[in-house]
Each structure stands twice: as C-alpha cells, then as structure tokens.
C-alpha cells in the first residue's frame, strides 16, 4: 500500500468518525450530520489537506466546525 492510498483510507475513516460524532453530540440523524459535514468549509480543507486539518482528532474537528460554522447546526 503506497502513501497516497494509506492517506485516503485514513481520511475516509476520519470522516466516518467525525460524522458519527457530530450526529451523537448534536442529537441529529447520520444523514443530517453528513449534510452538516459535507456542506462545510472544513470538509474542503480536510479533503484538500489544507492547514494540516486532516491530522487533527475528530473531536477537535467537530469542535472547530461548530465554532466556525454554527449556521450549519441550526435546525
């Protein structure tokens, strides 16, 4: 397995944990949590590898998302 494939597997796992955590912590469905995450600027930063965001813990990323993009969490 080369580095690029390993990085992709890690990122997919990170996104899964992050979405599950968003759903649990905000008492929303997984579908809503996915919409929150994939509709965020943070998801673009993670996918593009900007600012090293992809290496942060998923709980830290959830906190950053809620702090920087609170409008995504409005009902």
C-alpha atoms as a PDB file:
ATOM      1  CA  UNK A   1       0.000   0.000   0.000  1.00  0.00           C
ATOM      2  CA  UNK A   2       1.544   3.291  -1.026  1.00  0.00           C
ATOM      3  CA  UNK A   3       1.340   6.540   0.928  1.00  0.00           C
ATOM      4  CA  UNK A   4      -1.447   8.009  -1.188  1.00  0.00           C
ATOM      5  CA  UNK A   5      -3.724   5.014  -0.660  1.00  0.00           C
ATOM      6  CA  UNK A   6      -2.935   4.964   3.050  1.00  0.00           C
ATOM      7  CA  UNK A   7      -3.745   8.670   3.317  1.00  0.00           C
ATOM      8  CA  UNK A   8      -7.087   8.135   1.550  1.00  0.00           C
ATOM      9  CA  UNK A   9      -8.039   5.256   3.864  1.00  0.00           C
ATOM     10  CA  UNK A  10      -7.134   7.354   6.904  1.00  0.00           C
ATOM     11  CA  UNK A  11      -9.181  10.301   5.631  1.00  0.00           C
ATOM     12  CA  UNK A  12     -12.246   8.141   4.964  1.00  0.00           C
ATOM     13  CA  UNK A  13     -12.022   6.714   8.471  1.00  0.00           C
ATOM     14  CA  UNK A  14     -11.636  10.215   9.920  1.00  0.00           C
ATOM     15  CA  UNK A  15     -14.731  11.413   8.070  1.00  0.00           C
ATOM     16  CA  UNK A  16     -16.765   8.423   9.287  1.00  0.00           C
ATOM     17  CA  UNK A  17     -15.789   9.029  12.917  1.00  0.00           C
ATOM     18  CA  UNK A  18     -16.372  12.768  12.598  1.00  0.00           C
ATOM     19  CA  UNK A  19     -19.844  12.375  11.082  1.00  0.00           C
ATOM     20  CA  UNK A  20     -20.852   9.811  13.710  1.00  0.00           C
ATOM     21  CA  UNK A  21     -19.611  12.103  16.458  1.00  0.00           C
ATOM     22  CA  UNK A  22     -21.472  15.117  15.038  1.00  0.00           C
ATOM     23  CA  UNK A  23     -24.679  13.045  14.966  1.00  0.00           C
ATOM     24  CA  UNK A  24     -24.247  11.800  18.519  1.00  0.00           C
ATOM     25  CA  UNK A  25     -23.192  15.094  20.107  1.00  0.00           C
ATOM     26  CA  UNK A  26     -25.875  17.179  18.381  1.00  0.00           C
ATOM     27  CA  UNK A  27     -28.657  14.599  18.582  1.00  0.00           C
ATOM     28  CA  UNK A  28     -29.212  14.567  14.831  1.00  0.00           C
ATOM     29  CA  UNK A  29     -29.508  11.750  12.302  1.00  0.00           C
ATOM     30  CA  UNK A  30     -26.484  10.491  10.428  1.00  0.00           C
ATOM     31  CA  UNK A  31     -27.989  11.975   7.281  1.00  0.00           C
ATOM     32  CA  UNK A  32     -28.187  15.418   8.898  1.00  0.00           C
ATOM     33  CA  UNK A  33     -24.639  15.030  10.247  1.00  0.00           C
ATOM     34  CA  UNK A  34     -23.424  14.157   6.746  1.00  0.00           C
ATOM     35  CA  UNK A  35     -25.169  17.228   5.330  1.00  0.00           C
ATOM     36  CA  UNK A  36     -23.544  19.380   8.018  1.00  0.00           C
ATOM     37  CA  UNK A  37     -20.083  17.985   7.389  1.00  0.00           C
ATOM     38  CA  UNK A  38     -20.129  17.843   3.592  1.00  0.00           C
ATOM     39  CA  UNK A  39     -21.729  21.293   3.422  1.00  0.00           C
ATOM     40  CA  UNK A  40     -18.914  22.811   5.461  1.00  0.00           C
ATOM     41  CA  UNK A  41     -15.768  24.667   4.510  1.00  0.00           C
ATOM     42  CA  UNK A  42     -13.947  22.375   6.938  1.00  0.00           C
ATOM     43  CA  UNK A  43     -14.653  19.311   4.782  1.00  0.00           C
ATOM     44  CA  UNK A  44     -12.977  21.067   1.844  1.00  0.00           C
ATOM     45  CA  UNK A  45      -9.917  21.857   3.967  1.00  0.00           C
ATOM     46  CA  UNK A  46      -9.688  18.236   5.085  1.00  0.00           C
ATOM     47  CA  UNK A  47     -10.123  16.893   1.532  1.00  0.00           C
ATOM     48  CA  UNK A  48      -7.533  19.302   0.137  1.00  0.00           C
ATOM     49  CA  UNK A  49      -5.105  18.730   3.001  1.00  0.00           C
ATOM     50  CA  UNK A  50      -5.056  22.412   3.934  1.00  0.00           C
ATOM     51  CA  UNK A  51      -3.591  23.618   7.209  1.00  0.00           C
ATOM     52  CA  UNK A  52      -2.978  20.043   8.344  1.00  0.00           C
ATOM     53  CA  UNK A  53      -6.648  19.736   9.305  1.00  0.00           C
ATOM     54  CA  UNK A  54      -6.741  16.108   8.197  1.00  0.00           C
ATOM     55  CA  UNK A  55      -4.369  15.161  11.022  1.00  0.00           C
ATOM     56  CA  UNK A  56      -6.442  16.573  13.875  1.00  0.00           C
ATOM     57  CA  UNK A  57      -8.580  14.400  16.140  1.00  0.00           C
ATOM     58  CA  UNK A  58     -12.191  14.047  15.003  1.00  0.00           C
ATOM     59  CA  UNK A  59     -13.489  15.502  18.284  1.00  0.00           C
ATOM     60  CA  UNK A  60     -11.310  18.577  17.834  1.00  0.00           C
ATOM     61  CA  UNK A  61     -12.530  18.899  14.253  1.00  0.00           C
ATOM     62  CA  UNK A  62     -16.165  18.698  15.419  1.00  0.00           C
ATOM     63  CA  UNK A  63     -15.497  21.496  17.914  1.00  0.00           C
ATOM     64  CA  UNK A  64     -13.818  23.613  15.235  1.00  0.00           C
ATOM     65  CA  UNK A  65     -16.736  23.024  12.881  1.00  0.00           C
ATOM     66  CA  UNK A  66     -19.337  24.021  15.459  1.00  0.00           C
ATOM     67  CA  UNK A  67     -17.343  27.109  16.434  1.00  0.00           C
ATOM     68  CA  UNK A  68     -16.529  28.352  12.936  1.00  0.00           C
ATOM     69  CA  UNK A  69     -19.706  27.355  11.078  1.00  0.00           C
ATOM     70  CA  UNK A  70     -22.537  27.395  13.648  1.00  0.00           C
ATOM     71  CA  UNK A  71     -25.128  28.162  10.980  1.00  0.00           C
ATOM     72  CA  UNK A  72     -24.813  24.577   9.729  1.00  0.00           C
ATOM     73  CA  UNK A  73     -26.175  23.307  13.037  1.00  0.00           C
ATOM     74  CA  UNK A  74     -29.324  25.411  13.036  1.00  0.00           C
ATOM     75  CA  UNK A  75     -32.483  23.368  12.677  1.00  0.00           C
END
